[in-house]
Amino acid sequence: MINDRFLRACRREPVDCTPIWMMRQAGRYMPEYRALRERYTLLELCRNPELATQVTLQPLRLGMDAAILFADILLPLEPMGAPFEFAAGEGPVIHAPVATKADVDKLRVIEPEEGLGYVLDAIRMLKKELKVPLIGFAGAPFTLASYLIEGGKSSQFAKAKRFMYTQPEVWNDLMAKLSEVVRKYLRKQIEAGADAVQLFDSWVGQLSADDYRTYVQPHVRNILKDVETCGVPVIHFGTGTYHLLEAQREAGGTVIGLDWRTPIADGWAKVGADRAVQGNLDPITLLAPRELAEKHAARVLEQAGGKNGHIFNLGHGILPETPVATVQAVVDFVHRTSSRS
């Protein structure tokens, strides 16, 4: 029997207890994952459907109510013509960062089967084994564009924002290409069997509300409003987005992610009672003693007020050094404390 608690909460339907899963790639803190990483690179794991399936399944022994596909938001970039690698201790490195109109013109709008077929194969494999819903995902255009222009991680996003301000037409072309690839990619993930999808806009909180509406929102709306017609829950996620929540609601998503800096009651009021919300434990609390982690989890549940439509999650990605025992304790605590029976 399939545990559909997560999907029911996404639809704001009654549930027996609050569902919980933990993003980003919850497998990355598991000992089984660390053993695999001694033999394979991150990209090798992503590109091997059997291994990606194995990593996706690992956290489910802790009682998660949904599984998120093991992949990476940057995977579409290479087939588009922007190869990258994960440098030790540095994160992703784009080999030829985008700086000019000519660079944008070289990027190709690919079909998802072209260079990303291994992701779809992993989804099909997982659907044969899972007893909980599977969440597919993709990176949002602003976050992908930021990596492309900055050449990797950034603290200020100066290059990306300067590009946006000084070359608005070229920026629009770049965002249009990225959004079309992401739109097709999410639809194909759903066709392959994903029960829900999430759009990760990890860095969009760097923008003001006006800039978001001008330079980003039209492209995100193009993705989300189309994907919503597929009939599965669509999670719209960002960090540092308290000031953007109304604009994110306008852009779309049947579920809106709230990070730990946003009290759930306040965030839910901003996005509206007709949307489900996801969040919002600070990932760092999982590094604290178990009793303190449970105290913070209790605060999240209290703020949600037991209303239909809350999915318990972290406010951003789980850290690799997170103790498995603490994760297990929080999962059990959330289920036990939120039980409606």
C-alpha atoms as a PDB file:
ATOM      1  CA  MET A   1       0.000   0.000   0.000  1.00  0.00           C
ATOM      2  CA  ILE A   2       1.314   3.435  -0.955  1.00  0.00           C
ATOM      3  CA  ASN A   3       1.715   6.017   1.820  1.00  0.00           C
ATOM      4  CA  ASP A   4      -0.003   9.071   0.274  1.00  0.00           C
ATOM      5  CA  ARG A   5       0.203  11.332   3.355  1.00  0.00           C
ATOM      6  CA  PHE A   6       2.530  13.735   1.551  1.00  0.00           C
ATOM      7  CA  LEU A   7       0.305  14.057  -1.522  1.00  0.00           C
ATOM      8  CA  ARG A   8      -2.800  14.577   0.618  1.00  0.00           C
ATOM      9  CA  ALA A   9      -1.083  17.401   2.496  1.00  0.00           C
ATOM     10  CA  CYS A  10      -0.015  18.986  -0.804  1.00  0.00           C
ATOM     11  CA  ARG A  11      -3.716  19.057  -1.744  1.00  0.00           C
ATOM     12  CA  ARG A  12      -4.623  20.485   1.707  1.00  0.00           C
ATOM     13  CA  GLU A  13      -6.593  17.348   2.535  1.00  0.00           C
ATOM     14  CA  PRO A  14      -6.832  15.835   6.057  1.00  0.00           C
ATOM     15  CA  VAL A  15      -3.949  13.574   7.100  1.00  0.00           C
ATOM     16  CA  ASP A  16      -3.391  11.283  10.072  1.00  0.00           C
ATOM     17  CA  CYS A  17      -0.207  13.178  10.984  1.00  0.00           C
ATOM     18  CA  THR A  18       2.009  15.832   9.433  1.00  0.00           C
ATOM     19  CA  PRO A  19       4.111  14.366   6.605  1.00  0.00           C
ATOM     20  CA  ILE A  20       7.862  14.926   6.653  1.00  0.00           C
ATOM     21  CA  TRP A  21      10.694  14.671   4.173  1.00  0.00           C
ATOM     22  CA  MET A  22      14.040  16.466   4.159  1.00  0.00           C
ATOM     23  CA  MET A  23      15.625  18.170   1.204  1.00  0.00           C
ATOM     24  CA  ARG A  24      18.023  18.721  -0.598  1.00  0.00           C
ATOM     25  CA  GLN A  25      19.491  15.289  -1.273  1.00  0.00           C
ATOM     26  CA  ALA A  26      18.693  13.585   1.979  1.00  0.00           C
ATOM     27  CA  GLY A  27      20.928  10.638   1.100  1.00  0.00           C
ATOM     28  CA  ARG A  28      24.092  12.719   1.336  1.00  0.00           C
ATOM     29  CA  TYR A  29      24.353  12.390   5.127  1.00  0.00           C
ATOM     30  CA  MET A  30      23.778   8.612   5.125  1.00  0.00           C
ATOM     31  CA  PRO A  31      26.757   6.279   5.741  1.00  0.00           C
ATOM     32  CA  GLU A  32      25.787   4.238   2.667  1.00  0.00           C
ATOM     33  CA  TYR A  33      26.111   7.366   0.532  1.00  0.00           C
ATOM     34  CA  ARG A  34      29.521   8.217   1.940  1.00  0.00           C
ATOM     35  CA  ALA A  35      30.676   4.721   1.076  1.00  0.00           C
ATOM     36  CA  LEU A  36      29.507   5.174  -2.507  1.00  0.00           C
ATOM     37  CA  ARG A  37      31.269   8.546  -2.748  1.00  0.00           C
ATOM     38  CA  GLU A  38      34.561   6.838  -1.970  1.00  0.00           C
ATOM     39  CA  ARG A  39      34.145   4.993  -5.273  1.00  0.00           C
ATOM     40  CA  TYR A  40      32.187   7.429  -7.453  1.00  0.00           C
ATOM     41  CA  THR A  41      32.032  11.155  -8.092  1.00  0.00           C
ATOM     42  CA  LEU A  42      28.783  13.036  -7.574  1.00  0.00           C
ATOM     43  CA  LEU A  43      28.192  13.251 -11.311  1.00  0.00           C
ATOM     44  CA  GLU A  44      28.920   9.551 -11.776  1.00  0.00           C
ATOM     45  CA  LEU A  45      26.233   8.758  -9.214  1.00  0.00           C
ATOM     46  CA  CYS A  46      23.766  11.119 -10.893  1.00  0.00           C
ATOM     47  CA  ARG A  47      24.392   9.673 -14.346  1.00  0.00           C
ATOM     48  CA  ASN A  48      24.004   6.034 -13.295  1.00  0.00           C
ATOM     49  CA  PRO A  49      20.280   5.247 -12.865  1.00  0.00           C
ATOM     50  CA  GLU A  50      20.955   2.184 -10.700  1.00  0.00           C
ATOM     51  CA  LEU A  51      23.190   4.132  -8.317  1.00  0.00           C
ATOM     52  CA  ALA A  52      20.883   7.159  -8.283  1.00  0.00           C
ATOM     53  CA  THR A  53      18.032   4.816  -7.368  1.00  0.00           C
ATOM     54  CA  GLN A  54      20.090   3.321  -4.565  1.00  0.00           C
ATOM     55  CA  VAL A  55      20.912   6.730  -3.070  1.00  0.00           C
ATOM     56  CA  THR A  56      17.319   7.956  -3.385  1.00  0.00           C
ATOM     57  CA  LEU A  57      16.062   4.975  -1.384  1.00  0.00           C
ATOM     58  CA  GLN A  58      18.566   5.237   1.480  1.00  0.00           C
ATOM     59  CA  PRO A  59      16.771   7.825   3.703  1.00  0.00           C
ATOM     60  CA  LEU A  60      13.432   6.036   3.484  1.00  0.00           C
ATOM     61  CA  ARG A  61      14.445   3.621   6.227  1.00  0.00           C
ATOM     62  CA  LEU A  62      14.093   6.602   8.590  1.00  0.00           C
ATOM     63  CA  GLY A  63      10.363   6.876   7.880  1.00  0.00           C
ATOM     64  CA  MET A  64      10.231   9.750   5.389  1.00  0.00           C
ATOM     65  CA  ASP A  65       6.831  10.292   3.771  1.00  0.00           C
ATOM     66  CA  ALA A  66       8.275  11.091   0.339  1.00  0.00           C
ATOM     67  CA  ALA A  67      11.461  10.450  -1.614  1.00  0.00           C
ATOM     68  CA  ILE A  68      13.288  13.083  -3.614  1.00  0.00           C
ATOM     69  CA  LEU A  69      15.137  11.959  -6.694  1.00  0.00           C
ATOM     70  CA  PHE A  70      18.923  11.881  -6.399  1.00  0.00           C
ATOM     71  CA  ALA A  71      20.162  14.292  -9.076  1.00  0.00           C
ATOM     72  CA  ASP A  72      21.577  17.814  -9.280  1.00  0.00           C
ATOM     73  CA  ILE A  73      20.026  21.079 -10.432  1.00  0.00           C
ATOM     74  CA  LEU A  74      22.928  21.772 -12.807  1.00  0.00           C
ATOM     75  CA  LEU A  75      22.555  18.612 -14.898  1.00  0.00           C
ATOM     76  CA  PRO A  76      20.719  20.333 -17.801  1.00  0.00           C
ATOM     77  CA  LEU A  77      23.576  22.781 -18.328  1.00  0.00           C
ATOM     78  CA  GLU A  78      26.051  20.395 -19.951  1.00  0.00           C
ATOM     79  CA  PRO A  79      23.757  19.191 -22.767  1.00  0.00           C
ATOM     80  CA  MET A  80      22.795  22.833 -23.295  1.00  0.00           C
ATOM     81  CA  GLY A  81      26.464  23.543 -24.039  1.00  0.00           C
ATOM     82  CA  ALA A  82      27.802  24.660 -20.650  1.00  0.00           C
ATOM     83  CA  PRO A  83      29.978  21.856 -19.216  1.00  0.00           C
ATOM     84  CA  PHE A  84      30.886  21.962 -15.531  1.00  0.00           C
ATOM     85  CA  GLU A  85      32.519  19.921 -12.816  1.00  0.00           C
ATOM     86  CA  PHE A  86      32.433  19.709  -9.041  1.00  0.00           C
ATOM     87  CA  ALA A  87      35.825  20.812  -7.801  1.00  0.00           C
ATOM     88  CA  ALA A  88      36.931  19.420  -4.444  1.00  0.00           C
ATOM     89  CA  GLY A  89      36.114  21.921  -1.714  1.00  0.00           C
ATOM     90  CA  GLU A  90      34.781  24.496  -4.175  1.00  0.00           C
ATOM     91  CA  GLY A  91      31.484  23.160  -5.435  1.00  0.00           C
ATOM     92  CA  PRO A  92      30.400  23.501  -9.068  1.00  0.00           C
ATOM     93  CA  VAL A  93      32.726  25.183 -11.544  1.00  0.00           C
ATOM     94  CA  ILE A  94      31.387  26.278 -14.950  1.00  0.00           C
ATOM     95  CA  HIS A  95      34.187  25.876 -17.498  1.00  0.00           C
ATOM     96  CA  ALA A  96      33.069  28.729 -19.778  1.00  0.00           C
ATOM     97  CA  PRO A  97      30.941  31.260 -17.856  1.00  0.00           C
ATOM     98  CA  VAL A  98      28.359  33.261 -19.783  1.00  0.00           C
ATOM     99  CA  ALA A  99      29.272  36.914 -20.274  1.00  0.00           C
ATOM    100  CA  THR A 100      28.024  38.045 -23.707  1.00  0.00           C
ATOM    101  CA  LYS A 101      25.166  37.714 -26.154  1.00  0.00           C
ATOM    102  CA  ALA A 102      27.306  35.320 -28.191  1.00  0.00           C
ATOM    103  CA  ASP A 103      27.651  33.073 -25.144  1.00  0.00           C
ATOM    104  CA  VAL A 104      23.878  33.007 -24.681  1.00  0.00           C
ATOM    105  CA  ASP A 105      23.292  32.357 -28.380  1.00  0.00           C
ATOM    106  CA  LYS A 106      25.486  29.246 -28.174  1.00  0.00           C
ATOM    107  CA  LEU A 107      23.285  27.646 -25.517  1.00  0.00           C
ATOM    108  CA  ARG A 108      20.866  25.094 -26.928  1.00  0.00           C
ATOM    109  CA  VAL A 109      17.251  24.469 -25.934  1.00  0.00           C
ATOM    110  CA  ILE A 110      17.415  20.710 -25.549  1.00  0.00           C
ATOM    111  CA  GLU A 111      14.779  18.025 -25.275  1.00  0.00           C
ATOM    112  CA  PRO A 112      14.966  16.257 -21.880  1.00  0.00           C
ATOM    113  CA  GLU A 113      15.757  12.883 -23.442  1.00  0.00           C
ATOM    114  CA  GLU A 114      18.844  14.512 -24.962  1.00  0.00           C
ATOM    115  CA  GLY A 115      21.563  14.243 -22.387  1.00  0.00           C
ATOM    116  CA  LEU A 116      19.173  13.748 -19.439  1.00  0.00           C
ATOM    117  CA  GLY A 117      17.660  10.379 -20.249  1.00  0.00           C
ATOM    118  CA  TYR A 118      19.456   8.805 -17.276  1.00  0.00           C
ATOM    119  CA  VAL A 119      17.370  10.970 -14.919  1.00  0.00           C
ATOM    120  CA  LEU A 120      14.149   9.744 -16.488  1.00  0.00           C
ATOM    121  CA  ASP A 121      15.421   6.154 -16.339  1.00  0.00           C
ATOM    122  CA  ALA A 122      16.088   6.535 -12.611  1.00  0.00           C
ATOM    123  CA  ILE A 123      12.531   7.780 -12.058  1.00  0.00           C
ATOM    124  CA  ARG A 124      11.127   4.749 -13.875  1.00  0.00           C
ATOM    125  CA  MET A 125      13.272   2.409 -11.785  1.00  0.00           C
ATOM    126  CA  LEU A 126      12.264   4.073  -8.541  1.00  0.00           C
ATOM    127  CA  LYS A 127       8.554   3.860  -9.311  1.00  0.00           C
ATOM    128  CA  LYS A 128       8.876   0.071  -9.346  1.00  0.00           C
ATOM    129  CA  GLU A 129      10.187   0.042  -5.775  1.00  0.00           C
ATOM    130  CA  LEU A 130       8.757   2.992  -3.871  1.00  0.00           C
ATOM    131  CA  LYS A 131       5.925   2.842  -1.350  1.00  0.00           C
ATOM    132  CA  VAL A 132       5.942   6.617  -0.899  1.00  0.00           C
ATOM    133  CA  PRO A 133       5.530   9.403  -3.489  1.00  0.00           C
ATOM    134  CA  LEU A 134       8.543  10.411  -5.574  1.00  0.00           C
ATOM    135  CA  ILE A 135       9.471  14.075  -5.947  1.00  0.00           C
ATOM    136  CA  GLY A 136      11.281  15.182  -9.093  1.00  0.00           C
ATOM    137  CA  PHE A 137      12.917  18.583  -9.340  1.00  0.00           C
ATOM    138  CA  ALA A 138      14.792  21.152 -11.365  1.00  0.00           C
ATOM    139  CA  GLY A 139      16.698  24.347 -10.756  1.00  0.00           C
ATOM    140  CA  ALA A 140      14.874  27.600 -11.420  1.00  0.00           C
ATOM    141  CA  PRO A 141      16.088  29.952 -14.170  1.00  0.00           C
ATOM    142  CA  PHE A 142      17.551  32.631 -11.881  1.00  0.00           C
ATOM    143  CA  THR A 143      19.576  30.147  -9.878  1.00  0.00           C
ATOM    144  CA  LEU A 144      20.832  28.397 -13.028  1.00  0.00           C
ATOM    145  CA  ALA A 145      21.637  31.735 -14.675  1.00  0.00           C
ATOM    146  CA  SER A 146      23.561  32.812 -11.581  1.00  0.00           C
ATOM    147  CA  TYR A 147      25.771  29.738 -11.726  1.00  0.00           C
ATOM    148  CA  LEU A 148      26.306  30.221 -15.458  1.00  0.00           C
ATOM    149  CA  ILE A 149      27.317  33.866 -15.156  1.00  0.00           C
ATOM    150  CA  GLU A 150      29.250  33.702 -11.881  1.00  0.00           C
ATOM    151  CA  GLY A 151      31.062  30.553 -12.985  1.00  0.00           C
ATOM    152  CA  GLY A 152      30.144  28.792  -9.751  1.00  0.00           C
ATOM    153  CA  LYS A 153      29.108  29.758  -6.242  1.00  0.00           C
ATOM    154  CA  SER A 154      28.839  33.393  -5.234  1.00  0.00           C
ATOM    155  CA  SER A 155      28.141  35.409  -2.100  1.00  0.00           C
ATOM    156  CA  GLN A 156      27.018  38.683  -3.687  1.00  0.00           C
ATOM    157  CA  PHE A 157      25.928  37.633  -7.199  1.00  0.00           C
ATOM    158  CA  ALA A 158      27.493  40.825  -8.525  1.00  0.00           C
ATOM    159  CA  LYS A 159      28.262  39.433 -11.986  1.00  0.00           C
ATOM    160  CA  ALA A 160      24.797  37.964 -12.439  1.00  0.00           C
ATOM    161  CA  LYS A 161      22.975  41.083 -11.271  1.00  0.00           C
ATOM    162  CA  ARG A 162      25.209  43.372 -13.329  1.00  0.00           C
ATOM    163  CA  PHE A 163      24.473  41.239 -16.399  1.00  0.00           C
ATOM    164  CA  MET A 164      20.755  41.473 -15.594  1.00  0.00           C
ATOM    165  CA  TYR A 165      20.861  45.262 -15.229  1.00  0.00           C
ATOM    166  CA  THR A 166      23.211  46.130 -18.101  1.00  0.00           C
ATOM    167  CA  GLN A 167      22.088  43.573 -20.711  1.00  0.00           C
ATOM    168  CA  PRO A 168      18.364  43.165 -20.009  1.00  0.00           C
ATOM    169  CA  GLU A 169      17.492  41.861 -23.481  1.00  0.00           C
ATOM    170  CA  VAL A 170      20.282  39.283 -23.422  1.00  0.00           C
ATOM    171  CA  TRP A 171      19.308  38.377 -19.852  1.00  0.00           C
ATOM    172  CA  ASN A 172      15.768  37.804 -21.034  1.00  0.00           C
ATOM    173  CA  ASP A 173      17.023  35.550 -23.832  1.00  0.00           C
ATOM    174  CA  LEU A 174      19.079  33.532 -21.346  1.00  0.00           C
ATOM    175  CA  MET A 175      16.172  33.191 -18.926  1.00  0.00           C
ATOM    176  CA  ALA A 176      13.822  32.194 -21.754  1.00  0.00           C
ATOM    177  CA  LYS A 177      16.149  29.394 -22.851  1.00  0.00           C
ATOM    178  CA  LEU A 178      16.626  28.120 -19.311  1.00  0.00           C
ATOM    179  CA  SER A 179      12.925  28.283 -18.480  1.00  0.00           C
ATOM    180  CA  GLU A 180      11.966  26.346 -21.603  1.00  0.00           C
ATOM    181  CA  VAL A 181      14.458  23.590 -20.812  1.00  0.00           C
ATOM    182  CA  VAL A 182      13.263  23.438 -17.191  1.00  0.00           C
ATOM    183  CA  ARG A 183       9.601  23.417 -18.227  1.00  0.00           C
ATOM    184  CA  LYS A 184      10.124  20.471 -20.578  1.00  0.00           C
ATOM    185  CA  TYR A 185      12.355  18.686 -18.078  1.00  0.00           C
ATOM    186  CA  LEU A 186       9.769  18.827 -15.279  1.00  0.00           C
ATOM    187  CA  ARG A 187       6.996  17.658 -17.579  1.00  0.00           C
ATOM    188  CA  LYS A 188       9.099  14.691 -18.700  1.00  0.00           C
ATOM    189  CA  GLN A 189       9.864  13.802 -15.087  1.00  0.00           C
ATOM    190  CA  ILE A 190       6.119  13.698 -14.424  1.00  0.00           C
ATOM    191  CA  GLU A 191       5.547  11.578 -17.528  1.00  0.00           C
ATOM    192  CA  ALA A 192       8.250   9.184 -16.281  1.00  0.00           C
ATOM    193  CA  GLY A 193       6.393   8.779 -12.986  1.00  0.00           C
ATOM    194  CA  ALA A 194       7.240  11.617 -10.580  1.00  0.00           C
ATOM    195  CA  ASP A 195       4.295  12.159  -8.208  1.00  0.00           C
ATOM    196  CA  ALA A 196       5.259  15.770  -7.500  1.00  0.00           C
ATOM    197  CA  VAL A 197       7.953  18.195  -8.629  1.00  0.00           C
ATOM    198  CA  GLN A 198       9.870  20.987  -6.950  1.00  0.00           C
ATOM    199  CA  LEU A 199      11.411  24.074  -8.523  1.00  0.00           C
ATOM    200  CA  PHE A 200      14.540  25.072  -6.583  1.00  0.00           C
ATOM    201  CA  ASP A 201      15.246  28.820  -6.677  1.00  0.00           C
ATOM    202  CA  SER A 202      17.895  28.740  -3.997  1.00  0.00           C
ATOM    203  CA  TRP A 203      19.414  32.163  -4.677  1.00  0.00           C
ATOM    204  CA  VAL A 204      16.415  34.261  -5.721  1.00  0.00           C
ATOM    205  CA  GLY A 205      16.209  35.876  -2.286  1.00  0.00           C
ATOM    206  CA  GLN A 206      19.120  38.049  -3.436  1.00  0.00           C
ATOM    207  CA  LEU A 207      16.657  40.108  -5.493  1.00  0.00           C
ATOM    208  CA  SER A 208      14.290  42.865  -4.474  1.00  0.00           C
ATOM    209  CA  ALA A 209      10.587  42.297  -5.076  1.00  0.00           C
ATOM    210  CA  ASP A 210      10.607  44.808  -7.947  1.00  0.00           C
ATOM    211  CA  ASP A 211      13.577  43.158  -9.630  1.00  0.00           C
ATOM    212  CA  TYR A 212      12.037  39.719  -9.148  1.00  0.00           C
ATOM    213  CA  ARG A 213       8.832  40.798 -10.842  1.00  0.00           C
ATOM    214  CA  THR A 214      10.713  42.481 -13.684  1.00  0.00           C
ATOM    215  CA  TYR A 215      13.513  40.040 -14.472  1.00  0.00           C
ATOM    216  CA  VAL A 216      12.446  36.650 -13.097  1.00  0.00           C
ATOM    217  CA  GLN A 217       8.753  36.218 -12.396  1.00  0.00           C
ATOM    218  CA  PRO A 218       7.544  36.019 -16.034  1.00  0.00           C
ATOM    219  CA  HIS A 219       9.894  33.121 -16.706  1.00  0.00           C
ATOM    220  CA  VAL A 220       9.027  31.253 -13.509  1.00  0.00           C
ATOM    221  CA  ARG A 221       5.333  31.753 -14.196  1.00  0.00           C
ATOM    222  CA  ASN A 222       5.820  30.264 -17.662  1.00  0.00           C
ATOM    223  CA  ILE A 223       7.229  27.114 -16.073  1.00  0.00           C
ATOM    224  CA  LEU A 224       4.917  26.686 -13.113  1.00  0.00           C
ATOM    225  CA  LYS A 225       1.587  27.539 -14.706  1.00  0.00           C
ATOM    226  CA  ASP A 226       2.314  25.034 -17.462  1.00  0.00           C
ATOM    227  CA  VAL A 227       3.547  22.255 -15.157  1.00  0.00           C
ATOM    228  CA  GLU A 228       0.528  22.710 -12.875  1.00  0.00           C
ATOM    229  CA  THR A 229      -1.666  21.512 -15.740  1.00  0.00           C
ATOM    230  CA  CYS A 230      -0.051  18.057 -15.359  1.00  0.00           C
ATOM    231  CA  GLY A 231      -2.173  17.549 -12.245  1.00  0.00           C
ATOM    232  CA  VAL A 232       0.561  16.782  -9.687  1.00  0.00           C
ATOM    233  CA  PRO A 233       1.668  18.975  -6.751  1.00  0.00           C
ATOM    234  CA  VAL A 234       4.186  21.629  -7.763  1.00  0.00           C
ATOM    235  CA  ILE A 235       6.432  22.985  -5.006  1.00  0.00           C
ATOM    236  CA  HIS A 236       7.873  26.484  -5.482  1.00  0.00           C
ATOM    237  CA  PHE A 237      10.925  26.804  -3.250  1.00  0.00           C
ATOM    238  CA  GLY A 238      13.386  29.579  -2.454  1.00  0.00           C
ATOM    239  CA  THR A 239      15.448  30.855   0.462  1.00  0.00           C
ATOM    240  CA  GLY A 240      15.503  34.333   1.971  1.00  0.00           C
ATOM    241  CA  THR A 241      12.200  35.001   0.229  1.00  0.00           C
ATOM    242  CA  TYR A 242       9.968  36.514   2.932  1.00  0.00           C
ATOM    243  CA  HIS A 243       9.802  39.726   0.882  1.00  0.00           C
ATOM    244  CA  LEU A 244       9.014  37.744  -2.285  1.00  0.00           C
ATOM    245  CA  LEU A 245       6.271  35.414  -1.064  1.00  0.00           C
ATOM    246  CA  GLU A 246       3.392  37.335  -2.638  1.00  0.00           C
ATOM    247  CA  ALA A 247       5.290  37.522  -5.926  1.00  0.00           C
ATOM    248  CA  GLN A 248       6.121  33.821  -5.743  1.00  0.00           C
ATOM    249  CA  ARG A 249       2.447  33.063  -5.195  1.00  0.00           C
ATOM    250  CA  GLU A 250       1.655  35.077  -8.329  1.00  0.00           C
ATOM    251  CA  ALA A 251       4.283  33.099 -10.256  1.00  0.00           C
ATOM    252  CA  GLY A 252       2.688  29.787  -9.325  1.00  0.00           C
ATOM    253  CA  GLY A 253       3.056  26.609  -7.357  1.00  0.00           C
ATOM    254  CA  THR A 254       0.474  24.585  -5.474  1.00  0.00           C
ATOM    255  CA  VAL A 255       2.884  24.372  -2.513  1.00  0.00           C
ATOM    256  CA  ILE A 256       5.141  27.245  -1.424  1.00  0.00           C
ATOM    257  CA  GLY A 257       8.366  26.611   0.487  1.00  0.00           C
ATOM    258  CA  LEU A 258       9.140  28.706   3.568  1.00  0.00           C
ATOM    259  CA  ASP A 259      12.650  28.919   4.965  1.00  0.00           C
ATOM    260  CA  TRP A 260      13.512  29.046   8.684  1.00  0.00           C
ATOM    261  CA  ARG A 261      13.662  32.866   8.757  1.00  0.00           C
ATOM    262  CA  THR A 262       9.953  33.081   8.005  1.00  0.00           C
ATOM    263  CA  PRO A 263       7.461  32.165  10.759  1.00  0.00           C
ATOM    264  CA  ILE A 264       5.044  29.714   9.183  1.00  0.00           C
ATOM    265  CA  ALA A 265       1.941  31.629  10.260  1.00  0.00           C
ATOM    266  CA  ASP A 266       3.258  34.832   8.674  1.00  0.00           C
ATOM    267  CA  GLY A 267       4.427  33.096   5.518  1.00  0.00           C
ATOM    268  CA  TRP A 268       1.179  31.198   5.110  1.00  0.00           C
ATOM    269  CA  ALA A 269      -0.780  34.434   5.449  1.00  0.00           C
ATOM    270  CA  LYS A 270       1.313  35.922   2.642  1.00  0.00           C
ATOM    271  CA  VAL A 271       0.889  33.028   0.206  1.00  0.00           C
ATOM    272  CA  GLY A 272      -2.764  32.445   1.096  1.00  0.00           C
ATOM    273  CA  ALA A 273      -4.818  29.715   2.707  1.00  0.00           C
ATOM    274  CA  ASP A 274      -5.507  28.169  -0.706  1.00  0.00           C
ATOM    275  CA  ARG A 275      -1.871  27.046  -0.952  1.00  0.00           C
ATOM    276  CA  ALA A 276      -0.074  24.352   0.999  1.00  0.00           C
ATOM    277  CA  VAL A 277       3.228  25.288   2.623  1.00  0.00           C
ATOM    278  CA  GLN A 278       6.446  23.375   3.159  1.00  0.00           C
ATOM    279  CA  GLY A 279       9.002  23.964   5.892  1.00  0.00           C
ATOM    280  CA  ASN A 280      10.696  25.167   7.842  1.00  0.00           C
ATOM    281  CA  LEU A 281      13.193  23.796  10.367  1.00  0.00           C
ATOM    282  CA  ASP A 282      16.642  25.400  10.305  1.00  0.00           C
ATOM    283  CA  PRO A 283      18.994  22.645   8.997  1.00  0.00           C
ATOM    284  CA  ILE A 284      21.597  23.613  11.604  1.00  0.00           C
ATOM    285  CA  THR A 285      19.298  22.555  14.433  1.00  0.00           C
ATOM    286  CA  LEU A 286      19.875  18.954  13.351  1.00  0.00           C
ATOM    287  CA  LEU A 287      23.494  19.402  14.493  1.00  0.00           C
ATOM    288  CA  ALA A 288      22.291  20.334  18.002  1.00  0.00           C
ATOM    289  CA  PRO A 289      21.480  17.850  20.782  1.00  0.00           C
ATOM    290  CA  ARG A 290      18.394  15.797  20.041  1.00  0.00           C
ATOM    291  CA  GLU A 291      16.290  17.500  22.701  1.00  0.00           C
ATOM    292  CA  LEU A 292      16.957  20.927  21.203  1.00  0.00           C
ATOM    293  CA  ALA A 293      16.259  19.707  17.659  1.00  0.00           C
ATOM    294  CA  GLU A 294      12.918  18.329  18.860  1.00  0.00           C
ATOM    295  CA  LYS A 295      12.156  21.623  20.607  1.00  0.00           C
ATOM    296  CA  HIS A 296      12.650  23.499  17.342  1.00  0.00           C
ATOM    297  CA  ALA A 297      10.548  20.937  15.477  1.00  0.00           C
ATOM    298  CA  ALA A 298       7.775  21.418  18.059  1.00  0.00           C
ATOM    299  CA  ARG A 299       7.891  25.155  17.397  1.00  0.00           C
ATOM    300  CA  VAL A 300       7.397  24.574  13.668  1.00  0.00           C
ATOM    301  CA  LEU A 301       4.413  22.307  14.319  1.00  0.00           C
ATOM    302  CA  GLU A 302       2.931  24.808  16.768  1.00  0.00           C
ATOM    303  CA  GLN A 303       3.189  27.629  14.234  1.00  0.00           C
ATOM    304  CA  ALA A 304       1.499  25.483  11.580  1.00  0.00           C
ATOM    305  CA  GLY A 305      -1.371  24.984  14.005  1.00  0.00           C
ATOM    306  CA  GLY A 306      -2.316  21.534  12.765  1.00  0.00           C
ATOM    307  CA  LYS A 307      -3.951  23.020   9.671  1.00  0.00           C
ATOM    308  CA  ASN A 308      -4.365  20.916   6.557  1.00  0.00           C
ATOM    309  CA  GLY A 309      -1.684  21.671   3.991  1.00  0.00           C
ATOM    310  CA  HIS A 310       1.549  21.671   6.006  1.00  0.00           C
ATOM    311  CA  ILE A 311       4.486  19.508   4.932  1.00  0.00           C
ATOM    312  CA  PHE A 312       7.253  19.437   7.541  1.00  0.00           C
ATOM    313  CA  ASN A 313      10.664  19.994   6.006  1.00  0.00           C
ATOM    314  CA  LEU A 314      13.883  21.881   6.431  1.00  0.00           C
ATOM    315  CA  GLY A 315      14.169  25.506   5.383  1.00  0.00           C
ATOM    316  CA  HIS A 316      17.009  24.527   3.039  1.00  0.00           C
ATOM    317  CA  GLY A 317      19.237  21.539   2.379  1.00  0.00           C
ATOM    318  CA  ILE A 318      20.319  19.019   5.003  1.00  0.00           C
ATOM    319  CA  LEU A 319      24.046  19.192   5.763  1.00  0.00           C
ATOM    320  CA  PRO A 320      26.335  16.214   5.043  1.00  0.00           C
ATOM    321  CA  GLU A 321      27.579  16.108   8.657  1.00  0.00           C
ATOM    322  CA  THR A 322      24.062  15.752  10.088  1.00  0.00           C
ATOM    323  CA  PRO A 323      23.810  12.800  12.528  1.00  0.00           C
ATOM    324  CA  VAL A 324      21.462  10.110  11.249  1.00  0.00           C
ATOM    325  CA  ALA A 325      20.203   9.474  14.794  1.00  0.00           C
ATOM    326  CA  THR A 326      19.008  13.077  15.097  1.00  0.00           C
ATOM    327  CA  VAL A 327      17.189  12.893  11.781  1.00  0.00           C
ATOM    328  CA  GLN A 328      15.489   9.695  12.895  1.00  0.00           C
ATOM    329  CA  ALA A 329      14.494  11.314  16.187  1.00  0.00           C
ATOM    330  CA  VAL A 330      12.967  14.352  14.482  1.00  0.00           C
ATOM    331  CA  VAL A 331      11.044  12.206  11.972  1.00  0.00           C
ATOM    332  CA  ASP A 332       9.605  10.126  14.808  1.00  0.00           C
ATOM    333  CA  PHE A 333       8.880  13.245  16.873  1.00  0.00           C
ATOM    334  CA  VAL A 334       6.985  14.963  14.061  1.00  0.00           C
ATOM    335  CA  HIS A 335       4.845  11.911  13.354  1.00  0.00           C
ATOM    336  CA  ARG A 336       4.161  11.253  17.028  1.00  0.00           C
ATOM    337  CA  THR A 337       3.497  14.842  18.081  1.00  0.00           C
ATOM    338  CA  SER A 338       1.291  15.719  15.110  1.00  0.00           C
ATOM    339  CA  SER A 339      -0.815  12.543  15.209  1.00  0.00           C
ATOM    340  CA  ARG A 340      -4.527  13.277  14.706  1.00  0.00           C
ATOM    341  CA  SER A 341      -5.645   9.855  15.963  1.00  0.00           C
END
